[in-house]
mmCIF file of all heavy atoms, coordinates in Angstrom:
data_MODEL
# 
_entry.id   MODEL 
# 
loop_
_atom_site.group_PDB 
_atom_site.id 
_atom_site.type_symbol 
_atom_site.label_atom_id 
_atom_site.label_alt_id 
_atom_site.label_comp_id 
_atom_site.label_asym_id 
_atom_site.label_entity_id 
_atom_site.label_seq_id 
_atom_site.pdbx_PDB_ins_code 
_atom_site.Cartn_x 
_atom_site.Cartn_y 
_atom_site.Cartn_z 
_atom_site.occupancy 
_atom_site.B_iso_or_equiv 
_atom_site.pdbx_formal_charge 
_atom_site.auth_seq_id 
_atom_site.auth_comp_id 
_atom_site.auth_asym_id 
_atom_site.auth_atom_id 
_atom_site.pdbx_PDB_model_num 
ATOM 1   N N   . PHE A 1 1  ? 0.829   -1.206  0.044  1.00 0.00 ? 1  PHE A N   1 
ATOM 2   C CA  . PHE A 1 1  ? -0.057  0.021   -0.015 1.00 0.00 ? 1  PHE A CA  1 
ATOM 3   C C   . PHE A 1 1  ? 0.884   1.247   0.001  1.00 0.00 ? 1  PHE A C   1 
ATOM 4   O O   . PHE A 1 1  ? 0.520   2.263   -0.616 1.00 0.00 ? 1  PHE A O   1 
ATOM 5   C CB  . PHE A 1 1  ? -0.944  -0.010  1.185  1.00 0.00 ? 1  PHE A CB  1 
ATOM 6   C CG  . PHE A 1 1  ? -1.696  1.317   1.372  1.00 0.00 ? 1  PHE A CG  1 
ATOM 7   C CD1 . PHE A 1 1  ? -2.709  1.648   0.583  1.00 0.00 ? 1  PHE A CD1 1 
ATOM 8   C CD2 . PHE A 1 1  ? -1.366  2.153   2.360  1.00 0.00 ? 1  PHE A CD2 1 
ATOM 9   C CE1 . PHE A 1 1  ? -3.410  2.817   0.627  1.00 0.00 ? 1  PHE A CE1 1 
ATOM 10  C CE2 . PHE A 1 1  ? -1.993  3.421   2.545  1.00 0.00 ? 1  PHE A CE2 1 
ATOM 11  C CZ  . PHE A 1 1  ? -3.036  3.746   1.680  1.00 0.00 ? 1  PHE A CZ  1 
ATOM 12  N N   . TYR A 1 2  ? 1.957   1.183   0.698  1.00 0.00 ? 2  TYR A N   1 
ATOM 13  C CA  . TYR A 1 2  ? 2.820   2.405   0.772  1.00 0.00 ? 2  TYR A CA  1 
ATOM 14  C C   . TYR A 1 2  ? 3.266   2.781   -0.652 1.00 0.00 ? 2  TYR A C   1 
ATOM 15  O O   . TYR A 1 2  ? 3.380   4.016   -0.982 1.00 0.00 ? 2  TYR A O   1 
ATOM 16  C CB  . TYR A 1 2  ? 4.024   2.115   1.658  1.00 0.00 ? 2  TYR A CB  1 
ATOM 17  C CG  . TYR A 1 2  ? 4.694   3.381   2.160  1.00 0.00 ? 2  TYR A CG  1 
ATOM 18  C CD1 . TYR A 1 2  ? 4.291   4.083   3.256  1.00 0.00 ? 2  TYR A CD1 1 
ATOM 19  C CD2 . TYR A 1 2  ? 5.866   3.827   1.497  1.00 0.00 ? 2  TYR A CD2 1 
ATOM 20  C CE1 . TYR A 1 2  ? 4.945   5.247   3.638  1.00 0.00 ? 2  TYR A CE1 1 
ATOM 21  C CE2 . TYR A 1 2  ? 6.524   4.982   1.944  1.00 0.00 ? 2  TYR A CE2 1 
ATOM 22  C CZ  . TYR A 1 2  ? 6.049   5.699   3.054  1.00 0.00 ? 2  TYR A CZ  1 
ATOM 23  O OH  . TYR A 1 2  ? 6.577   6.841   3.499  1.00 0.00 ? 2  TYR A OH  1 
ATOM 24  N N   . GLN A 1 3  ? 3.518   1.839   -1.527 1.00 0.00 ? 3  GLN A N   1 
ATOM 25  C CA  . GLN A 1 3  ? 3.983   2.167   -2.927 1.00 0.00 ? 3  GLN A CA  1 
ATOM 26  C C   . GLN A 1 3  ? 2.814   2.326   -3.825 1.00 0.00 ? 3  GLN A C   1 
ATOM 27  O O   . GLN A 1 3  ? 2.877   3.143   -4.728 1.00 0.00 ? 3  GLN A O   1 
ATOM 28  C CB  . GLN A 1 3  ? 4.748   0.938   -3.423 1.00 0.00 ? 3  GLN A CB  1 
ATOM 29  C CG  . GLN A 1 3  ? 6.013   0.598   -2.616 1.00 0.00 ? 3  GLN A CG  1 
ATOM 30  C CD  . GLN A 1 3  ? 7.060   1.793   -2.618 1.00 0.00 ? 3  GLN A CD  1 
ATOM 31  O OE1 . GLN A 1 3  ? 7.181   2.498   -3.582 1.00 0.00 ? 3  GLN A OE1 1 
ATOM 32  N NE2 . GLN A 1 3  ? 7.735   1.967   -1.490 1.00 0.00 ? 3  GLN A NE2 1 
ATOM 33  N N   . LEU A 1 4  ? 1.699   1.802   -3.503 1.00 0.00 ? 4  LEU A N   1 
ATOM 34  C CA  . LEU A 1 4  ? 0.554   1.910   -4.426 1.00 0.00 ? 4  LEU A CA  1 
ATOM 35  C C   . LEU A 1 4  ? -0.262  3.211   -4.204 1.00 0.00 ? 4  LEU A C   1 
ATOM 36  O O   . LEU A 1 4  ? -1.054  3.638   -5.112 1.00 0.00 ? 4  LEU A O   1 
ATOM 37  C CB  . LEU A 1 4  ? -0.458  0.698   -4.233 1.00 0.00 ? 4  LEU A CB  1 
ATOM 38  C CG  . LEU A 1 4  ? 0.096   -0.669  -4.714 1.00 0.00 ? 4  LEU A CG  1 
ATOM 39  C CD1 . LEU A 1 4  ? -0.848  -1.677  -4.244 1.00 0.00 ? 4  LEU A CD1 1 
ATOM 40  C CD2 . LEU A 1 4  ? 0.307   -0.707  -6.207 1.00 0.00 ? 4  LEU A CD2 1 
ATOM 41  N N   . ALA A 1 5  ? -0.303  3.771   -2.949 1.00 0.00 ? 5  ALA A N   1 
ATOM 42  C CA  . ALA A 1 5  ? -1.063  4.884   -2.576 1.00 0.00 ? 5  ALA A CA  1 
ATOM 43  C C   . ALA A 1 5  ? -1.122  6.052   -3.581 1.00 0.00 ? 5  ALA A C   1 
ATOM 44  O O   . ALA A 1 5  ? -2.154  6.561   -3.803 1.00 0.00 ? 5  ALA A O   1 
ATOM 45  C CB  . ALA A 1 5  ? -0.719  5.429   -1.152 1.00 0.00 ? 5  ALA A CB  1 
ATOM 46  N N   . PRO A 1 6  ? 0.013   6.477   -4.157 1.00 0.00 ? 6  PRO A N   1 
ATOM 47  C CA  . PRO A 1 6  ? -0.034  7.611   -5.078 1.00 0.00 ? 6  PRO A CA  1 
ATOM 48  C C   . PRO A 1 6  ? -0.857  7.308   -6.395 1.00 0.00 ? 6  PRO A C   1 
ATOM 49  O O   . PRO A 1 6  ? -1.237  8.295   -7.048 1.00 0.00 ? 6  PRO A O   1 
ATOM 50  C CB  . PRO A 1 6  ? 1.478   7.785   -5.403 1.00 0.00 ? 6  PRO A CB  1 
ATOM 51  C CG  . PRO A 1 6  ? 2.281   7.211   -4.271 1.00 0.00 ? 6  PRO A CG  1 
ATOM 52  C CD  . PRO A 1 6  ? 1.403   5.998   -3.878 1.00 0.00 ? 6  PRO A CD  1 
ATOM 53  N N   . MET A 1 7  ? -1.148  5.993   -6.632 1.00 0.00 ? 7  MET A N   1 
ATOM 54  C CA  . MET A 1 7  ? -1.873  5.726   -7.826 1.00 0.00 ? 7  MET A CA  1 
ATOM 55  C C   . MET A 1 7  ? -3.361  5.370   -7.521 1.00 0.00 ? 7  MET A C   1 
ATOM 56  O O   . MET A 1 7  ? -4.120  5.064   -8.450 1.00 0.00 ? 7  MET A O   1 
ATOM 57  C CB  . MET A 1 7  ? -1.197  4.414   -8.427 1.00 0.00 ? 7  MET A CB  1 
ATOM 58  C CG  . MET A 1 7  ? 0.190   4.725   -8.990 1.00 0.00 ? 7  MET A CG  1 
ATOM 59  S SD  . MET A 1 7  ? 0.970   3.192   -9.585 1.00 0.00 ? 7  MET A SD  1 
ATOM 60  C CE  . MET A 1 7  ? 1.399   2.325   -8.045 1.00 0.00 ? 7  MET A CE  1 
ATOM 61  N N   . LEU A 1 8  ? -3.777  5.547   -6.355 1.00 0.00 ? 8  LEU A N   1 
ATOM 62  C CA  . LEU A 1 8  ? -5.129  5.162   -5.963 1.00 0.00 ? 8  LEU A CA  1 
ATOM 63  C C   . LEU A 1 8  ? -5.986  6.365   -5.590 1.00 0.00 ? 8  LEU A C   1 
ATOM 64  O O   . LEU A 1 8  ? -5.501  7.382   -5.104 1.00 0.00 ? 8  LEU A O   1 
ATOM 65  C CB  . LEU A 1 8  ? -5.067  4.248   -4.735 1.00 0.00 ? 8  LEU A CB  1 
ATOM 66  C CG  . LEU A 1 8  ? -4.325  2.908   -4.885 1.00 0.00 ? 8  LEU A CG  1 
ATOM 67  C CD1 . LEU A 1 8  ? -4.271  2.258   -3.485 1.00 0.00 ? 8  LEU A CD1 1 
ATOM 68  C CD2 . LEU A 1 8  ? -5.032  1.984   -5.846 1.00 0.00 ? 8  LEU A CD2 1 
ATOM 69  N N   . LYS A 1 9  ? -7.298  6.195   -5.913 1.00 0.00 ? 9  LYS A N   1 
ATOM 70  C CA  . LYS A 1 9  ? -8.255  7.180   -5.423 1.00 0.00 ? 9  LYS A CA  1 
ATOM 71  C C   . LYS A 1 9  ? -9.508  6.408   -4.921 1.00 0.00 ? 9  LYS A C   1 
ATOM 72  O O   . LYS A 1 9  ? -9.928  5.451   -5.574 1.00 0.00 ? 9  LYS A O   1 
ATOM 73  C CB  . LYS A 1 9  ? -8.651  8.160   -6.533 1.00 0.00 ? 9  LYS A CB  1 
ATOM 74  C CG  . LYS A 1 9  ? -7.635  9.156   -7.021 1.00 0.00 ? 9  LYS A CG  1 
ATOM 75  C CD  . LYS A 1 9  ? -7.225  10.068  -5.908 1.00 0.00 ? 9  LYS A CD  1 
ATOM 76  C CE  . LYS A 1 9  ? -6.103  10.930  -6.363 1.00 0.00 ? 9  LYS A CE  1 
ATOM 77  N NZ  . LYS A 1 9  ? -5.652  11.879  -5.147 1.00 0.00 ? 9  LYS A NZ  1 
ATOM 78  N N   . ALA A 1 10 ? -10.099 6.888   -3.847 1.00 0.00 ? 10 ALA A N   1 
ATOM 79  C CA  . ALA A 1 10 ? -11.290 6.259   -3.272 1.00 0.00 ? 10 ALA A CA  1 
ATOM 80  C C   . ALA A 1 10 ? -11.962 7.240   -2.339 1.00 0.00 ? 10 ALA A C   1 
ATOM 81  O O   . ALA A 1 10 ? -11.457 8.385   -2.116 1.00 0.00 ? 10 ALA A O   1 
ATOM 82  C CB  . ALA A 1 10 ? -10.786 5.052   -2.454 1.00 0.00 ? 10 ALA A CB  1 
ATOM 83  N N   . ASP A 1 11 ? -13.129 6.892   -1.903 1.00 0.00 ? 11 ASP A N   1 
ATOM 84  C CA  . ASP A 1 11 ? -13.900 7.773   -1.010 1.00 0.00 ? 11 ASP A CA  1 
ATOM 85  C C   . ASP A 1 11 ? -13.366 7.610   0.444  1.00 0.00 ? 11 ASP A C   1 
ATOM 86  O O   . ASP A 1 11 ? -13.398 8.585   1.214  1.00 0.00 ? 11 ASP A O   1 
ATOM 87  C CB  . ASP A 1 11 ? -15.391 7.336   -0.972 1.00 0.00 ? 11 ASP A CB  1 
ATOM 88  C CG  . ASP A 1 11 ? -16.037 7.563   -2.380 1.00 0.00 ? 11 ASP A CG  1 
ATOM 89  O OD1 . ASP A 1 11 ? -16.180 8.703   -2.726 1.00 0.00 ? 11 ASP A OD1 1 
ATOM 90  O OD2 . ASP A 1 11 ? -16.344 6.548   -2.980 1.00 0.00 ? 11 ASP A OD2 1 
ATOM 91  N N   . VAL A 1 12 ? -12.933 6.430   0.779  1.00 0.00 ? 12 VAL A N   1 
ATOM 92  C CA  . VAL A 1 12 ? -12.462 6.153   2.182  1.00 0.00 ? 12 VAL A CA  1 
ATOM 93  C C   . VAL A 1 12 ? -11.295 5.198   2.137  1.00 0.00 ? 12 VAL A C   1 
ATOM 94  O O   . VAL A 1 12 ? -11.268 4.263   1.346  1.00 0.00 ? 12 VAL A O   1 
ATOM 95  C CB  . VAL A 1 12 ? -13.546 5.544   3.075  1.00 0.00 ? 12 VAL A CB  1 
ATOM 96  C CG1 . VAL A 1 12 ? -13.051 5.326   4.536  1.00 0.00 ? 12 VAL A CG1 1 
ATOM 97  C CG2 . VAL A 1 12 ? -14.809 6.474   3.157  1.00 0.00 ? 12 VAL A CG2 1 
ATOM 98  N N   . VAL A 1 13 ? -10.333 5.420   3.018  1.00 0.00 ? 13 VAL A N   1 
ATOM 99  C CA  . VAL A 1 13 ? -9.228  4.515   3.271  1.00 0.00 ? 13 VAL A CA  1 
ATOM 100 C C   . VAL A 1 13 ? -9.368  3.909   4.636  1.00 0.00 ? 13 VAL A C   1 
ATOM 101 O O   . VAL A 1 13 ? -9.486  4.659   5.673  1.00 0.00 ? 13 VAL A O   1 
ATOM 102 C CB  . VAL A 1 13 ? -7.875  5.123   3.069  1.00 0.00 ? 13 VAL A CB  1 
ATOM 103 C CG1 . VAL A 1 13 ? -6.785  4.091   3.413  1.00 0.00 ? 13 VAL A CG1 1 
ATOM 104 C CG2 . VAL A 1 13 ? -7.697  5.693   1.702  1.00 0.00 ? 13 VAL A CG2 1 
ATOM 105 N N   . PHE A 1 14 ? -9.370  2.603   4.676  1.00 0.00 ? 14 PHE A N   1 
ATOM 106 C CA  . PHE A 1 14 ? -9.326  1.961   6.067  1.00 0.00 ? 14 PHE A CA  1 
ATOM 107 C C   . PHE A 1 14 ? -7.949  1.294   6.202  1.00 0.00 ? 14 PHE A C   1 
ATOM 108 O O   . PHE A 1 14 ? -7.490  0.555   5.324  1.00 0.00 ? 14 PHE A O   1 
ATOM 109 C CB  . PHE A 1 14 ? -10.408 0.796   6.020  1.00 0.00 ? 14 PHE A CB  1 
ATOM 110 C CG  . PHE A 1 14 ? -10.352 -0.050  7.424  1.00 0.00 ? 14 PHE A CG  1 
ATOM 111 C CD1 . PHE A 1 14 ? -10.910 0.426   8.533  1.00 0.00 ? 14 PHE A CD1 1 
ATOM 112 C CD2 . PHE A 1 14 ? -9.612  -1.202  7.413  1.00 0.00 ? 14 PHE A CD2 1 
ATOM 113 C CE1 . PHE A 1 14 ? -10.858 -0.278  9.635  1.00 0.00 ? 14 PHE A CE1 1 
ATOM 114 C CE2 . PHE A 1 14 ? -9.569  -1.976  8.595  1.00 0.00 ? 14 PHE A CE2 1 
ATOM 115 C CZ  . PHE A 1 14 ? -10.170 -1.524  9.712  1.00 0.00 ? 14 PHE A CZ  1 
ATOM 116 N N   . MET A 1 15 ? -7.357  1.605   7.273  1.00 0.00 ? 15 MET A N   1 
ATOM 117 C CA  . MET A 1 15 ? -5.969  1.081   7.513  1.00 0.00 ? 15 MET A CA  1 
ATOM 118 C C   . MET A 1 15 ? -5.808  0.395   8.890  1.00 0.00 ? 15 MET A C   1 
ATOM 119 O O   . MET A 1 15 ? -6.376  0.922   9.920  1.00 0.00 ? 15 MET A O   1 
ATOM 120 C CB  . MET A 1 15 ? -4.990  2.235   7.523  1.00 0.00 ? 15 MET A CB  1 
ATOM 121 C CG  . MET A 1 15 ? -4.784  2.942   6.168  1.00 0.00 ? 15 MET A CG  1 
ATOM 122 S SD  . MET A 1 15 ? -3.265  3.894   6.259  1.00 0.00 ? 15 MET A SD  1 
ATOM 123 C CE  . MET A 1 15 ? -3.589  4.967   7.638  1.00 0.00 ? 15 MET A CE  1 
ATOM 124 N N   . SER A 1 16 ? -5.199  -0.786  8.886  1.00 0.00 ? 16 SER A N   1 
ATOM 125 C CA  . SER A 1 16 ? -4.768  -1.395  10.130 1.00 0.00 ? 16 SER A CA  1 
ATOM 126 C C   . SER A 1 16 ? -3.341  -2.003  9.873  1.00 0.00 ? 16 SER A C   1 
ATOM 127 O O   . SER A 1 16 ? -3.169  -3.193  9.598  1.00 0.00 ? 16 SER A O   1 
ATOM 128 C CB  . SER A 1 16 ? -5.701  -2.460  10.597 1.00 0.00 ? 16 SER A CB  1 
ATOM 129 O OG  . SER A 1 16 ? -5.262  -3.081  11.784 1.00 0.00 ? 16 SER A OG  1 
ATOM 130 N N   . PRO A 1 17 ? -2.353  -1.036  9.892  1.00 0.00 ? 17 PRO A N   1 
ATOM 131 C CA  . PRO A 1 17 ? -0.944  -1.540  9.562  1.00 0.00 ? 17 PRO A CA  1 
ATOM 132 C C   . PRO A 1 17 ? -0.454  -2.530  10.601 1.00 0.00 ? 17 PRO A C   1 
ATOM 133 O O   . PRO A 1 17 ? -1.007  -2.607  11.644 1.00 0.00 ? 17 PRO A O   1 
ATOM 134 C CB  . PRO A 1 17 ? -0.178  -0.252  9.561  1.00 0.00 ? 17 PRO A CB  1 
ATOM 135 C CG  . PRO A 1 17 ? -1.131  0.856   9.568  1.00 0.00 ? 17 PRO A CG  1 
ATOM 136 C CD  . PRO A 1 17 ? -2.418  0.299   10.177 1.00 0.00 ? 17 PRO A CD  1 
ATOM 137 N N   . PRO A 1 18 ? 0.631   -3.270  10.229 1.00 0.00 ? 18 PRO A N   1 
ATOM 138 C CA  . PRO A 1 18 ? 1.144   -4.202  11.283 1.00 0.00 ? 18 PRO A CA  1 
ATOM 139 C C   . PRO A 1 18 ? 1.521   -3.503  12.536 1.00 0.00 ? 18 PRO A C   1 
ATOM 140 O O   . PRO A 1 18 ? 2.152   -2.486  12.499 1.00 0.00 ? 18 PRO A O   1 
ATOM 141 C CB  . PRO A 1 18 ? 2.362   -4.739  10.438 1.00 0.00 ? 18 PRO A CB  1 
ATOM 142 C CG  . PRO A 1 18 ? 2.141   -4.448  9.037  1.00 0.00 ? 18 PRO A CG  1 
ATOM 143 C CD  . PRO A 1 18 ? 1.266   -3.279  8.922  1.00 0.00 ? 18 PRO A CD  1 
ATOM 144 N N   . TRP A 1 19 ? 1.074   -4.128  13.619 1.00 0.00 ? 19 TRP A N   1 
ATOM 145 C CA  . TRP A 1 19 ? 1.337   -3.676  14.923 1.00 0.00 ? 19 TRP A CA  1 
ATOM 146 C C   . TRP A 1 19 ? 2.673   -4.202  15.578 1.00 0.00 ? 19 TRP A C   1 
ATOM 147 O O   . TRP A 1 19 ? 3.080   -3.719  16.610 1.00 0.00 ? 19 TRP A O   1 
ATOM 148 C CB  . TRP A 1 19 ? 0.140   -3.887  15.858 1.00 0.00 ? 19 TRP A CB  1 
ATOM 149 C CG  . TRP A 1 19 ? -1.088  -3.277  15.443 1.00 0.00 ? 19 TRP A CG  1 
ATOM 150 C CD1 . TRP A 1 19 ? -1.295  -2.363  14.484 1.00 0.00 ? 19 TRP A CD1 1 
ATOM 151 C CD2 . TRP A 1 19 ? -2.452  -3.612  15.962 1.00 0.00 ? 19 TRP A CD2 1 
ATOM 152 N NE1 . TRP A 1 19 ? -2.647  -2.066  14.340 1.00 0.00 ? 19 TRP A NE1 1 
ATOM 153 C CE2 . TRP A 1 19 ? -3.377  -2.826  15.254 1.00 0.00 ? 19 TRP A CE2 1 
ATOM 154 C CE3 . TRP A 1 19 ? -2.851  -4.491  16.935 1.00 0.00 ? 19 TRP A CE3 1 
ATOM 155 C CZ2 . TRP A 1 19 ? -4.680  -2.850  15.510 1.00 0.00 ? 19 TRP A CZ2 1 
ATOM 156 C CZ3 . TRP A 1 19 ? -4.233  -4.554  17.188 1.00 0.00 ? 19 TRP A CZ3 1 
ATOM 157 C CH2 . TRP A 1 19 ? -5.109  -3.766  16.432 1.00 0.00 ? 19 TRP A CH2 1 
ATOM 158 N N   . GLY A 1 20 ? 3.191   -5.250  14.970 1.00 0.00 ? 20 GLY A N   1 
ATOM 159 C CA  . GLY A 1 20 ? 4.320   -5.907  15.494 1.00 0.00 ? 20 GLY A CA  1 
ATOM 160 C C   . GLY A 1 20 ? 4.004   -7.184  16.268 1.00 0.00 ? 20 GLY A C   1 
ATOM 161 O O   . GLY A 1 20 ? 4.790   -7.643  17.135 1.00 0.00 ? 20 GLY A O   1 
ATOM 162 N N   . GLY A 1 21 ? 2.894   -7.806  15.951 1.00 0.00 ? 21 GLY A N   1 
ATOM 163 C CA  . GLY A 1 21 ? 2.497   -9.019  16.672 1.00 0.00 ? 21 GLY A CA  1 
ATOM 164 C C   . GLY A 1 21 ? 1.959   -8.807  17.995 1.00 0.00 ? 21 GLY A C   1 
ATOM 165 O O   . GLY A 1 21 ? 1.826   -7.647  18.511 1.00 0.00 ? 21 GLY A O   1 
ATOM 166 N N   . PRO A 1 22 ? 1.561   -9.892  18.728 1.00 0.00 ? 22 PRO A N   1 
ATOM 167 C CA  . PRO A 1 22 ? 0.893   -9.777  20.012 1.00 0.00 ? 22 PRO A CA  1 
ATOM 168 C C   . PRO A 1 22 ? 1.748   -9.063  21.108 1.00 0.00 ? 22 PRO A C   1 
ATOM 169 O O   . PRO A 1 22 ? 1.371   -8.724  22.156 1.00 0.00 ? 22 PRO A O   1 
ATOM 170 C CB  . PRO A 1 22 ? 0.557   -11.188 20.375 1.00 0.00 ? 22 PRO A CB  1 
ATOM 171 C CG  . PRO A 1 22 ? 1.439   -12.070 19.566 1.00 0.00 ? 22 PRO A CG  1 
ATOM 172 C CD  . PRO A 1 22 ? 1.744   -11.307 18.301 1.00 0.00 ? 22 PRO A CD  1 
ATOM 173 N N   . GLU A 1 23 ? 3.095   -8.865  20.815 1.00 0.00 ? 23 GLU A N   1 
ATOM 174 C CA  . GLU A 1 23 ? 4.061   -8.308  21.727 1.00 0.00 ? 23 GLU A CA  1 
ATOM 175 C C   . GLU A 1 23 ? 3.541   -6.868  22.096 1.00 0.00 ? 23 GLU A C   1 
ATOM 176 O O   . GLU A 1 23 ? 3.997   -6.343  23.211 1.00 0.00 ? 23 GLU A O   1 
ATOM 177 C CB  . GLU A 1 23 ? 5.508   -8.329  21.198 1.00 0.00 ? 23 GLU A CB  1 
ATOM 178 C CG  . GLU A 1 23 ? 6.156   -9.693  21.210 1.00 0.00 ? 23 GLU A CG  1 
ATOM 179 C CD  . GLU A 1 23 ? 5.626   -10.515 19.881 1.00 0.00 ? 23 GLU A CD  1 
ATOM 180 O OE1 . GLU A 1 23 ? 4.970   -9.875  19.019 1.00 0.00 ? 23 GLU A OE1 1 
ATOM 181 O OE2 . GLU A 1 23 ? 5.849   -11.740 19.807 1.00 0.00 ? 23 GLU A OE2 1 
ATOM 182 N N   . TYR A 1 24 ? 2.787   -6.247  21.205 1.00 0.00 ? 24 TYR A N   1 
ATOM 183 C CA  . TYR A 1 24 ? 2.437   -4.829  21.552 1.00 0.00 ? 24 TYR A CA  1 
ATOM 184 C C   . TYR A 1 24 ? 1.669   -4.753  22.799 1.00 0.00 ? 24 TYR A C   1 
ATOM 185 O O   . TYR A 1 24 ? 1.665   -3.688  23.483 1.00 0.00 ? 24 TYR A O   1 
ATOM 186 C CB  . TYR A 1 24 ? 1.542   -4.325  20.353 1.00 0.00 ? 24 TYR A CB  1 
ATOM 187 C CG  . TYR A 1 24 ? 0.116   -4.802  20.333 1.00 0.00 ? 24 TYR A CG  1 
ATOM 188 C CD1 . TYR A 1 24 ? -0.934  -4.172  21.067 1.00 0.00 ? 24 TYR A CD1 1 
ATOM 189 C CD2 . TYR A 1 24 ? -0.220  -5.908  19.562 1.00 0.00 ? 24 TYR A CD2 1 
ATOM 190 C CE1 . TYR A 1 24 ? -2.198  -4.661  21.007 1.00 0.00 ? 24 TYR A CE1 1 
ATOM 191 C CE2 . TYR A 1 24 ? -1.474  -6.440  19.526 1.00 0.00 ? 24 TYR A CE2 1 
ATOM 192 C CZ  . TYR A 1 24 ? -2.462  -5.751  20.291 1.00 0.00 ? 24 TYR A CZ  1 
ATOM 193 O OH  . TYR A 1 24 ? -3.794  -6.229  20.217 1.00 0.00 ? 24 TYR A OH  1 
ATOM 194 N N   . LEU A 1 25 ? 1.026   -5.869  23.206 1.00 0.00 ? 25 LEU A N   1 
ATOM 195 C CA  . LEU A 1 25 ? 0.260   -5.828  24.517 1.00 0.00 ? 25 LEU A CA  1 
ATOM 196 C C   . LEU A 1 25 ? 1.106   -5.683  25.761 1.00 0.00 ? 25 LEU A C   1 
ATOM 197 O O   . LEU A 1 25 ? 0.674   -5.361  26.784 1.00 0.00 ? 25 LEU A O   1 
ATOM 198 C CB  . LEU A 1 25 ? -0.568  -7.113  24.612 1.00 0.00 ? 25 LEU A CB  1 
ATOM 199 C CG  . LEU A 1 25 ? -1.679  -7.217  23.598 1.00 0.00 ? 25 LEU A CG  1 
ATOM 200 C CD1 . LEU A 1 25 ? -2.304  -8.656  23.598 1.00 0.00 ? 25 LEU A CD1 1 
ATOM 201 C CD2 . LEU A 1 25 ? -2.806  -6.181  23.819 1.00 0.00 ? 25 LEU A CD2 1 
# 
C-alpha cells in the first residue's frame, strides 16, 4: 500500500498496519 497509494483514489481508506505481533500488549 505504501507504494501503491499515489496511484489510488477512493472515498475512504481503512488502515490497520502491522502492529508488531501480540508483543504490543
